[in-house]
Amino acid sequence: MRQITTVTFDLWQTLIIDTPELGRPRAQIRLDGALQAIQDDGFDIDRQQVVDAYRRCYQICGEIRDNESDVTFDEQIDIFLQSIDEEMAQRLSPEARLRVTRRYADSYLEAPPQIDEHADAVLRELKAQGAKLGLICNTGATPGVTQRVFLERVGLAGYFDVLTFSDEERLSKPAPEIFHATLRRLKSSPEETAHVGDHPRNDVEGAKRAGLAAIWLRRDSKEPEVQPDVCIDSLSQVPAALASLADGSSALP
């Protein structure tokens, strides 16, 4: 039996659903905006240089996150620009750099992911029951400041007592510290908290390492190496999963 007073959620592929079809236009906006800003600043670069740099930046930042750290968004932009051309990155005007940064971030708002159809109802129900709610997000290419704007626009931000983003913490799941930082702000303990997420390593392993109960949302993922406390196939099952934790069962009622 486990008395849960606090629930933390993953964002990507848990509350929001992203697909290659949705992501490609976003990347196109980023790359086109960066290319135009740099060319307007007087530098002779071509699109392939920007594409290659984007891929290289993704790889470098991914390796950092795999080691449970993260870069700030400004650092990510630095990596991207230096991957295009180091000399250009040093000489680029502040105005052009700001244009690149804005297009890189704002592309998410112009080509957003989908909201899980059950997200609003589940968060509303948990909030009505008096639960404290937190979000713990590995941000990737989109900074936390932009995610906040998006969550406000779609009406989800108000449900959360705390929003934690990896680029702002310089930590990424599954690091226990990013879970613990969130719980300190919530004034909750790991023992009274359940984490909901789709990723076997970042969410299930991360939650368990931090001492939280793990509710695994199966989204065509491989089986976790660490056993979750409860498995669900739909976000709509979160309230039932929490009830099963209170009953001391791993099976949904």
C-alpha atoms as a PDB file:
ATOM      1  CA  MET A   1       0.000   0.000   0.000  1.00  0.00           C
ATOM      2  CA  ARG A   2       1.324   3.443  -0.944  1.00  0.00           C
ATOM      3  CA  GLN A   3      -0.415   6.716  -0.182  1.00  0.00           C
ATOM      4  CA  ILE A   4       0.125   8.978  -3.197  1.00  0.00           C
ATOM      5  CA  THR A   5      -0.327  12.722  -2.713  1.00  0.00           C
ATOM      6  CA  THR A   6       1.789  13.894  -5.647  1.00  0.00           C
ATOM      7  CA  VAL A   7       1.967  12.918  -9.309  1.00  0.00           C
ATOM      8  CA  THR A   8       4.664  13.970 -11.755  1.00  0.00           C
ATOM      9  CA  PHE A   9       4.295  13.593 -15.503  1.00  0.00           C
ATOM     10  CA  ASP A  10       6.613  13.284 -18.449  1.00  0.00           C
ATOM     11  CA  LEU A  11       5.691  15.522 -21.387  1.00  0.00           C
ATOM     12  CA  TRP A  12       6.863  14.060 -24.724  1.00  0.00           C
ATOM     13  CA  GLN A  13       4.815  11.031 -25.823  1.00  0.00           C
ATOM     14  CA  THR A  14       2.924  11.132 -22.524  1.00  0.00           C
ATOM     15  CA  LEU A  15       0.872  14.323 -22.376  1.00  0.00           C
ATOM     16  CA  ILE A  16       1.792  15.332 -25.914  1.00  0.00           C
ATOM     17  CA  ILE A  17       2.209  13.103 -28.940  1.00  0.00           C
ATOM     18  CA  ASP A  18       4.803  13.916 -31.577  1.00  0.00           C
ATOM     19  CA  THR A  19       5.339  12.112 -34.875  1.00  0.00           C
ATOM     20  CA  PRO A  20       7.787  12.429 -37.771  1.00  0.00           C
ATOM     21  CA  GLU A  21       4.974  13.975 -39.816  1.00  0.00           C
ATOM     22  CA  LEU A  22       4.567  16.712 -37.206  1.00  0.00           C
ATOM     23  CA  GLY A  23       8.280  17.106 -36.541  1.00  0.00           C
ATOM     24  CA  ARG A  24       9.453  17.546 -40.135  1.00  0.00           C
ATOM     25  CA  PRO A  25       7.729  20.913 -40.724  1.00  0.00           C
ATOM     26  CA  ARG A  26       9.138  22.114 -37.389  1.00  0.00           C
ATOM     27  CA  ALA A  27      12.679  21.224 -38.440  1.00  0.00           C
ATOM     28  CA  GLN A  28      12.079  22.886 -41.819  1.00  0.00           C
ATOM     29  CA  ILE A  29      11.078  26.138 -40.108  1.00  0.00           C
ATOM     30  CA  ARG A  30      14.168  25.987 -37.892  1.00  0.00           C
ATOM     31  CA  LEU A  31      16.554  25.337 -40.750  1.00  0.00           C
ATOM     32  CA  ASP A  32      15.010  27.855 -43.147  1.00  0.00           C
ATOM     33  CA  GLY A  33      14.991  30.535 -40.455  1.00  0.00           C
ATOM     34  CA  ALA A  34      18.600  29.915 -39.468  1.00  0.00           C
ATOM     35  CA  LEU A  35      19.796  29.887 -43.066  1.00  0.00           C
ATOM     36  CA  GLN A  36      18.013  33.139 -43.900  1.00  0.00           C
ATOM     37  CA  ALA A  37      19.267  34.933 -40.776  1.00  0.00           C
ATOM     38  CA  ILE A  38      22.876  33.903 -41.392  1.00  0.00           C
ATOM     39  CA  GLN A  39      22.791  34.745 -45.102  1.00  0.00           C
ATOM     40  CA  ASP A  40      21.183  38.121 -44.348  1.00  0.00           C
ATOM     41  CA  ASP A  41      24.138  38.786 -42.045  1.00  0.00           C
ATOM     42  CA  GLY A  42      26.483  38.455 -45.018  1.00  0.00           C
ATOM     43  CA  PHE A  43      27.738  34.872 -44.705  1.00  0.00           C
ATOM     44  CA  ASP A  44      27.952  32.557 -47.699  1.00  0.00           C
ATOM     45  CA  ILE A  45      26.593  29.277 -46.392  1.00  0.00           C
ATOM     46  CA  ASP A  46      24.277  26.795 -48.049  1.00  0.00           C
ATOM     47  CA  ARG A  47      21.361  24.749 -46.810  1.00  0.00           C
ATOM     48  CA  GLN A  48      23.311  21.496 -46.618  1.00  0.00           C
ATOM     49  CA  GLN A  49      25.732  23.062 -44.140  1.00  0.00           C
ATOM     50  CA  VAL A  50      22.798  24.004 -41.942  1.00  0.00           C
ATOM     51  CA  VAL A  51      21.212  20.545 -42.249  1.00  0.00           C
ATOM     52  CA  ASP A  52      24.485  18.813 -41.378  1.00  0.00           C
ATOM     53  CA  ALA A  53      25.013  21.154 -38.419  1.00  0.00           C
ATOM     54  CA  TYR A  54      21.499  20.473 -37.132  1.00  0.00           C
ATOM     55  CA  ARG A  55      22.169  16.742 -37.184  1.00  0.00           C
ATOM     56  CA  ARG A  56      25.533  17.212 -35.520  1.00  0.00           C
ATOM     57  CA  CYS A  57      24.007  19.409 -32.818  1.00  0.00           C
ATOM     58  CA  TYR A  58      21.328  16.773 -32.188  1.00  0.00           C
ATOM     59  CA  GLN A  59      24.023  14.128 -31.811  1.00  0.00           C
ATOM     60  CA  ILE A  60      26.219  16.185 -29.466  1.00  0.00           C
ATOM     61  CA  CYS A  61      23.325  17.234 -27.246  1.00  0.00           C
ATOM     62  CA  GLY A  62      21.967  13.688 -27.258  1.00  0.00           C
ATOM     63  CA  GLU A  63      25.269  12.338 -25.979  1.00  0.00           C
ATOM     64  CA  ILE A  64      25.229  14.894 -23.169  1.00  0.00           C
ATOM     65  CA  ARG A  65      21.675  13.898 -22.223  1.00  0.00           C
ATOM     66  CA  ASP A  66      22.571  10.217 -22.347  1.00  0.00           C
ATOM     67  CA  ASN A  67      24.992  11.035 -19.527  1.00  0.00           C
ATOM     68  CA  GLU A  68      22.120  12.555 -17.519  1.00  0.00           C
ATOM     69  CA  SER A  69      23.206  16.172 -18.006  1.00  0.00           C
ATOM     70  CA  ASP A  70      21.852  18.805 -20.378  1.00  0.00           C
ATOM     71  CA  VAL A  71      22.838  22.038 -22.067  1.00  0.00           C
ATOM     72  CA  THR A  72      21.069  25.355 -21.751  1.00  0.00           C
ATOM     73  CA  PHE A  73      19.215  26.532 -24.835  1.00  0.00           C
ATOM     74  CA  ASP A  74      21.854  29.210 -25.460  1.00  0.00           C
ATOM     75  CA  GLU A  75      24.530  26.524 -25.349  1.00  0.00           C
ATOM     76  CA  GLN A  76      22.544  24.428 -27.818  1.00  0.00           C
ATOM     77  CA  ILE A  77      22.406  27.372 -30.224  1.00  0.00           C
ATOM     78  CA  ASP A  78      26.176  27.825 -29.808  1.00  0.00           C
ATOM     79  CA  ILE A  79      26.747  24.159 -30.678  1.00  0.00           C
ATOM     80  CA  PHE A  80      24.489  24.488 -33.729  1.00  0.00           C
ATOM     81  CA  LEU A  81      26.202  27.628 -35.037  1.00  0.00           C
ATOM     82  CA  GLN A  82      29.711  26.313 -34.405  1.00  0.00           C
ATOM     83  CA  SER A  83      28.767  23.113 -36.231  1.00  0.00           C
ATOM     84  CA  ILE A  84      27.939  25.219 -39.294  1.00  0.00           C
ATOM     85  CA  ASP A  85      31.225  27.155 -39.212  1.00  0.00           C
ATOM     86  CA  GLU A  86      33.295  28.130 -36.176  1.00  0.00           C
ATOM     87  CA  GLU A  87      34.526  31.418 -37.639  1.00  0.00           C
ATOM     88  CA  MET A  88      31.028  32.381 -38.736  1.00  0.00           C
ATOM     89  CA  ALA A  89      29.706  31.591 -35.253  1.00  0.00           C
ATOM     90  CA  GLN A  90      32.237  34.000 -33.732  1.00  0.00           C
ATOM     91  CA  ARG A  91      31.534  36.809 -36.204  1.00  0.00           C
ATOM     92  CA  LEU A  92      27.744  36.502 -36.439  1.00  0.00           C
ATOM     93  CA  SER A  93      26.046  39.694 -35.290  1.00  0.00           C
ATOM     94  CA  PRO A  94      23.972  39.642 -32.073  1.00  0.00           C
ATOM     95  CA  GLU A  95      20.894  40.537 -34.139  1.00  0.00           C
ATOM     96  CA  ALA A  96      21.362  37.577 -36.484  1.00  0.00           C
ATOM     97  CA  ARG A  97      22.037  35.226 -33.589  1.00  0.00           C
ATOM     98  CA  LEU A  98      18.826  36.393 -31.931  1.00  0.00           C
ATOM     99  CA  ARG A  99      16.903  35.678 -35.147  1.00  0.00           C
ATOM    100  CA  VAL A 100      18.348  32.159 -35.276  1.00  0.00           C
ATOM    101  CA  THR A 101      17.468  31.591 -31.623  1.00  0.00           C
ATOM    102  CA  ARG A 102      13.897  32.799 -32.034  1.00  0.00           C
ATOM    103  CA  ARG A 103      13.213  30.722 -35.139  1.00  0.00           C
ATOM    104  CA  TYR A 104      14.766  27.664 -33.506  1.00  0.00           C
ATOM    105  CA  ALA A 105      12.436  28.006 -30.515  1.00  0.00           C
ATOM    106  CA  ASP A 106       9.299  29.444 -32.105  1.00  0.00           C
ATOM    107  CA  SER A 107       9.139  26.717 -34.760  1.00  0.00           C
ATOM    108  CA  TYR A 108       7.617  24.546 -32.027  1.00  0.00           C
ATOM    109  CA  LEU A 109       4.697  26.935 -31.637  1.00  0.00           C
ATOM    110  CA  GLU A 110       4.181  27.103 -35.406  1.00  0.00           C
ATOM    111  CA  ALA A 111       4.315  23.322 -35.891  1.00  0.00           C
ATOM    112  CA  PRO A 112       3.286  21.923 -32.504  1.00  0.00           C
ATOM    113  CA  PRO A 113       2.748  18.327 -31.434  1.00  0.00           C
ATOM    114  CA  GLN A 114      -0.675  16.941 -30.578  1.00  0.00           C
ATOM    115  CA  ILE A 115      -2.137  16.835 -27.084  1.00  0.00           C
ATOM    116  CA  ASP A 116      -3.142  13.389 -25.858  1.00  0.00           C
ATOM    117  CA  GLU A 117      -6.926  13.269 -25.982  1.00  0.00           C
ATOM    118  CA  HIS A 118      -7.138  12.306 -22.293  1.00  0.00           C
ATOM    119  CA  ALA A 119      -4.592  14.794 -20.932  1.00  0.00           C
ATOM    120  CA  ASP A 120      -6.962  17.579 -19.900  1.00  0.00           C
ATOM    121  CA  ALA A 121      -9.522  15.279 -18.274  1.00  0.00           C
ATOM    122  CA  VAL A 122      -6.927  13.300 -16.312  1.00  0.00           C
ATOM    123  CA  LEU A 123      -5.120  16.383 -15.020  1.00  0.00           C
ATOM    124  CA  ARG A 124      -8.424  18.016 -14.099  1.00  0.00           C
ATOM    125  CA  GLU A 125      -9.556  14.908 -12.202  1.00  0.00           C
ATOM    126  CA  LEU A 126      -6.312  14.600 -10.254  1.00  0.00           C
ATOM    127  CA  LYS A 127      -6.342  18.292  -9.398  1.00  0.00           C
ATOM    128  CA  ALA A 128      -9.949  18.030  -8.192  1.00  0.00           C
ATOM    129  CA  GLN A 129      -8.880  15.179  -5.907  1.00  0.00           C
ATOM    130  CA  GLY A 130      -6.290  17.454  -4.303  1.00  0.00           C
ATOM    131  CA  ALA A 131      -3.156  15.948  -5.817  1.00  0.00           C
ATOM    132  CA  LYS A 132      -0.056  18.057  -6.253  1.00  0.00           C
ATOM    133  CA  LEU A 133       1.073  17.892  -9.880  1.00  0.00           C
ATOM    134  CA  GLY A 134       4.494  18.347 -11.425  1.00  0.00           C
ATOM    135  CA  LEU A 135       5.968  18.089 -14.899  1.00  0.00           C
ATOM    136  CA  ILE A 136       9.482  16.760 -15.557  1.00  0.00           C
ATOM    137  CA  CYS A 137      10.533  17.200 -19.178  1.00  0.00           C
ATOM    138  CA  ASN A 138      13.692  16.424 -21.129  1.00  0.00           C
ATOM    139  CA  THR A 139      13.398  19.363 -23.480  1.00  0.00           C
ATOM    140  CA  GLY A 140      15.414  18.324 -26.536  1.00  0.00           C
ATOM    141  CA  ALA A 141      15.485  21.008 -29.223  1.00  0.00           C
ATOM    142  CA  THR A 142      12.689  23.088 -27.669  1.00  0.00           C
ATOM    143  CA  PRO A 143      13.539  25.170 -24.572  1.00  0.00           C
ATOM    144  CA  GLY A 144      11.517  25.145 -21.394  1.00  0.00           C
ATOM    145  CA  VAL A 145      10.531  28.783 -21.852  1.00  0.00           C
ATOM    146  CA  THR A 146       8.797  27.856 -25.124  1.00  0.00           C
ATOM    147  CA  GLN A 147       7.177  24.782 -23.602  1.00  0.00           C
ATOM    148  CA  ARG A 148       5.647  27.014 -20.927  1.00  0.00           C
ATOM    149  CA  VAL A 149       4.108  29.233 -23.609  1.00  0.00           C
ATOM    150  CA  PHE A 150       2.755  26.172 -25.421  1.00  0.00           C
ATOM    151  CA  LEU A 151       1.294  24.612 -22.270  1.00  0.00           C
ATOM    152  CA  GLU A 152      -0.403  27.910 -21.443  1.00  0.00           C
ATOM    153  CA  ARG A 153      -1.860  28.120 -24.953  1.00  0.00           C
ATOM    154  CA  VAL A 154      -3.334  24.617 -24.822  1.00  0.00           C
ATOM    155  CA  GLY A 155      -4.691  25.074 -21.307  1.00  0.00           C
ATOM    156  CA  LEU A 156      -2.550  22.542 -19.446  1.00  0.00           C
ATOM    157  CA  ALA A 157      -0.069  24.757 -17.584  1.00  0.00           C
ATOM    158  CA  GLY A 158      -2.558  25.775 -14.908  1.00  0.00           C
ATOM    159  CA  TYR A 159      -2.932  22.227 -13.635  1.00  0.00           C
ATOM    160  CA  PHE A 160       0.705  22.024 -12.580  1.00  0.00           C
ATOM    161  CA  ASP A 161       2.200  23.281  -9.358  1.00  0.00           C
ATOM    162  CA  VAL A 162       5.745  22.884 -10.702  1.00  0.00           C
ATOM    163  CA  LEU A 163       7.203  22.718 -14.220  1.00  0.00           C
ATOM    164  CA  THR A 164      10.743  21.343 -14.478  1.00  0.00           C
ATOM    165  CA  PHE A 165      12.723  21.453 -17.731  1.00  0.00           C
ATOM    166  CA  SER A 166      16.061  19.787 -18.316  1.00  0.00           C
ATOM    167  CA  ASP A 167      17.664  22.711 -20.155  1.00  0.00           C
ATOM    168  CA  GLU A 168      17.007  24.942 -17.148  1.00  0.00           C
ATOM    169  CA  GLU A 169      18.264  22.384 -14.624  1.00  0.00           C
ATOM    170  CA  ARG A 170      21.231  21.226 -16.738  1.00  0.00           C
ATOM    171  CA  LEU A 171      20.100  17.740 -15.754  1.00  0.00           C
ATOM    172  CA  SER A 172      18.111  15.198 -17.713  1.00  0.00           C
ATOM    173  CA  LYS A 173      16.099  12.143 -16.768  1.00  0.00           C
ATOM    174  CA  PRO A 174      16.859   9.494 -15.612  1.00  0.00           C
ATOM    175  CA  ALA A 175      19.074  11.478 -13.196  1.00  0.00           C
ATOM    176  CA  PRO A 176      17.486  11.188  -9.729  1.00  0.00           C
ATOM    177  CA  GLU A 177      18.454  14.802  -9.048  1.00  0.00           C
ATOM    178  CA  ILE A 178      15.934  16.218 -11.532  1.00  0.00           C
ATOM    179  CA  PHE A 179      13.141  14.266  -9.821  1.00  0.00           C
ATOM    180  CA  HIS A 180      14.330  15.362  -6.379  1.00  0.00           C
ATOM    181  CA  ALA A 181      14.598  19.014  -7.460  1.00  0.00           C
ATOM    182  CA  THR A 182      10.975  18.869  -8.591  1.00  0.00           C
ATOM    183  CA  LEU A 183       9.832  17.267  -5.340  1.00  0.00           C
ATOM    184  CA  ARG A 184      11.615  19.891  -3.260  1.00  0.00           C
ATOM    185  CA  ARG A 185       9.607  22.584  -5.037  1.00  0.00           C
ATOM    186  CA  LEU A 186       6.432  20.572  -4.529  1.00  0.00           C
ATOM    187  CA  LYS A 187       7.341  19.981  -0.859  1.00  0.00           C
ATOM    188  CA  SER A 188       6.701  16.271  -1.393  1.00  0.00           C
ATOM    189  CA  SER A 189       8.688  13.136  -0.656  1.00  0.00           C
ATOM    190  CA  PRO A 190       9.544  10.347  -3.130  1.00  0.00           C
ATOM    191  CA  GLU A 191       7.527   7.888  -1.033  1.00  0.00           C
ATOM    192  CA  GLU A 192       4.292   9.807  -1.621  1.00  0.00           C
ATOM    193  CA  THR A 193       4.899  10.471  -5.328  1.00  0.00           C
ATOM    194  CA  ALA A 194       4.137   8.555  -8.523  1.00  0.00           C
ATOM    195  CA  HIS A 195       5.690   9.432 -11.876  1.00  0.00           C
ATOM    196  CA  VAL A 196       3.869   8.801 -15.167  1.00  0.00           C
ATOM    197  CA  GLY A 197       5.837   8.454 -18.394  1.00  0.00           C
ATOM    198  CA  ASP A 198       6.406   6.427 -21.519  1.00  0.00           C
ATOM    199  CA  HIS A 199      10.182   6.088 -21.650  1.00  0.00           C
ATOM    200  CA  PRO A 200      11.581   2.860 -20.156  1.00  0.00           C
ATOM    201  CA  ARG A 201      14.868   4.458 -19.094  1.00  0.00           C
ATOM    202  CA  ASN A 202      14.101   8.129 -18.556  1.00  0.00           C
ATOM    203  CA  ASP A 203      10.764   7.656 -16.817  1.00  0.00           C
ATOM    204  CA  VAL A 204      10.594   4.150 -15.347  1.00  0.00           C
ATOM    205  CA  GLU A 205      14.232   3.689 -14.377  1.00  0.00           C
ATOM    206  CA  GLY A 206      14.571   7.359 -13.457  1.00  0.00           C
ATOM    207  CA  ALA A 207      11.541   7.337 -11.169  1.00  0.00           C
ATOM    208  CA  LYS A 208      12.579   4.129  -9.445  1.00  0.00           C
ATOM    209  CA  ARG A 209      16.145   5.335  -8.907  1.00  0.00           C
ATOM    210  CA  ALA A 210      14.743   8.480  -7.314  1.00  0.00           C
ATOM    211  CA  GLY A 211      12.462   6.474  -5.012  1.00  0.00           C
ATOM    212  CA  LEU A 212       9.170   7.293  -6.750  1.00  0.00           C
ATOM    213  CA  ALA A 213       6.510   4.835  -7.839  1.00  0.00           C
ATOM    214  CA  ALA A 214       6.669   4.377 -11.619  1.00  0.00           C
ATOM    215  CA  ILE A 215       3.565   4.214 -13.802  1.00  0.00           C
ATOM    216  CA  TRP A 216       4.664   3.149 -17.267  1.00  0.00           C
ATOM    217  CA  LEU A 217       2.553   4.333 -20.204  1.00  0.00           C
ATOM    218  CA  ARG A 218       3.216   1.828 -22.968  1.00  0.00           C
ATOM    219  CA  ARG A 219       3.626   3.663 -26.283  1.00  0.00           C
ATOM    220  CA  ASP A 220       5.130   0.922 -28.446  1.00  0.00           C
ATOM    221  CA  SER A 221       8.263   1.048 -26.293  1.00  0.00           C
ATOM    222  CA  LYS A 222      10.562  -1.816 -25.511  1.00  0.00           C
ATOM    223  CA  GLU A 223      10.135  -3.383 -22.090  1.00  0.00           C
ATOM    224  CA  PRO A 224      11.911  -1.487 -19.300  1.00  0.00           C
ATOM    225  CA  GLU A 225      14.897  -3.124 -17.663  1.00  0.00           C
ATOM    226  CA  VAL A 226      13.543  -1.857 -14.333  1.00  0.00           C
ATOM    227  CA  GLN A 227      10.094  -3.134 -13.378  1.00  0.00           C
ATOM    228  CA  PRO A 228       7.448  -0.380 -13.169  1.00  0.00           C
ATOM    229  CA  ASP A 229       4.939  -0.422 -10.336  1.00  0.00           C
ATOM    230  CA  VAL A 230       1.987  -0.259 -12.723  1.00  0.00           C
ATOM    231  CA  CYS A 231       1.667  -0.532 -16.523  1.00  0.00           C
ATOM    232  CA  ILE A 232      -1.033   1.333 -18.436  1.00  0.00           C
ATOM    233  CA  ASP A 233      -1.965   1.505 -22.112  1.00  0.00           C
ATOM    234  CA  SER A 234      -3.802   4.828 -22.056  1.00  0.00           C
ATOM    235  CA  LEU A 235      -3.351   8.080 -20.188  1.00  0.00           C
ATOM    236  CA  SER A 236      -6.989   7.708 -19.137  1.00  0.00           C
ATOM    237  CA  GLN A 237      -5.919   4.844 -16.848  1.00  0.00           C
ATOM    238  CA  VAL A 238      -3.760   7.046 -14.594  1.00  0.00           C
ATOM    239  CA  PRO A 239      -6.441   7.488 -11.874  1.00  0.00           C
ATOM    240  CA  ALA A 240      -6.988   3.724 -11.777  1.00  0.00           C
ATOM    241  CA  ALA A 241      -3.235   3.159 -11.616  1.00  0.00           C
ATOM    242  CA  LEU A 242      -2.987   5.469  -8.611  1.00  0.00           C
ATOM    243  CA  ALA A 243      -5.837   3.587  -6.947  1.00  0.00           C
ATOM    244  CA  SER A 244      -3.992   0.308  -7.485  1.00  0.00           C
ATOM    245  CA  LEU A 245      -0.904   1.751  -5.790  1.00  0.00           C
ATOM    246  CA  ALA A 246      -3.045   2.734  -2.812  1.00  0.00           C
ATOM    247  CA  ASP A 247      -4.381  -0.840  -2.687  1.00  0.00           C
ATOM    248  CA  GLY A 248      -0.889  -2.294  -2.874  1.00  0.00           C
ATOM    249  CA  SER A 249      -1.592  -3.938  -6.224  1.00  0.00           C
ATOM    250  CA  SER A 250       0.158  -3.693  -9.583  1.00  0.00           C
ATOM    251  CA  ALA A 251      -3.049  -4.659 -11.395  1.00  0.00           C
ATOM    252  CA  LEU A 252      -5.592  -2.074 -12.493  1.00  0.00           C
ATOM    253  CA  PRO A 253      -8.985  -2.295 -10.794  1.00  0.00           C
END
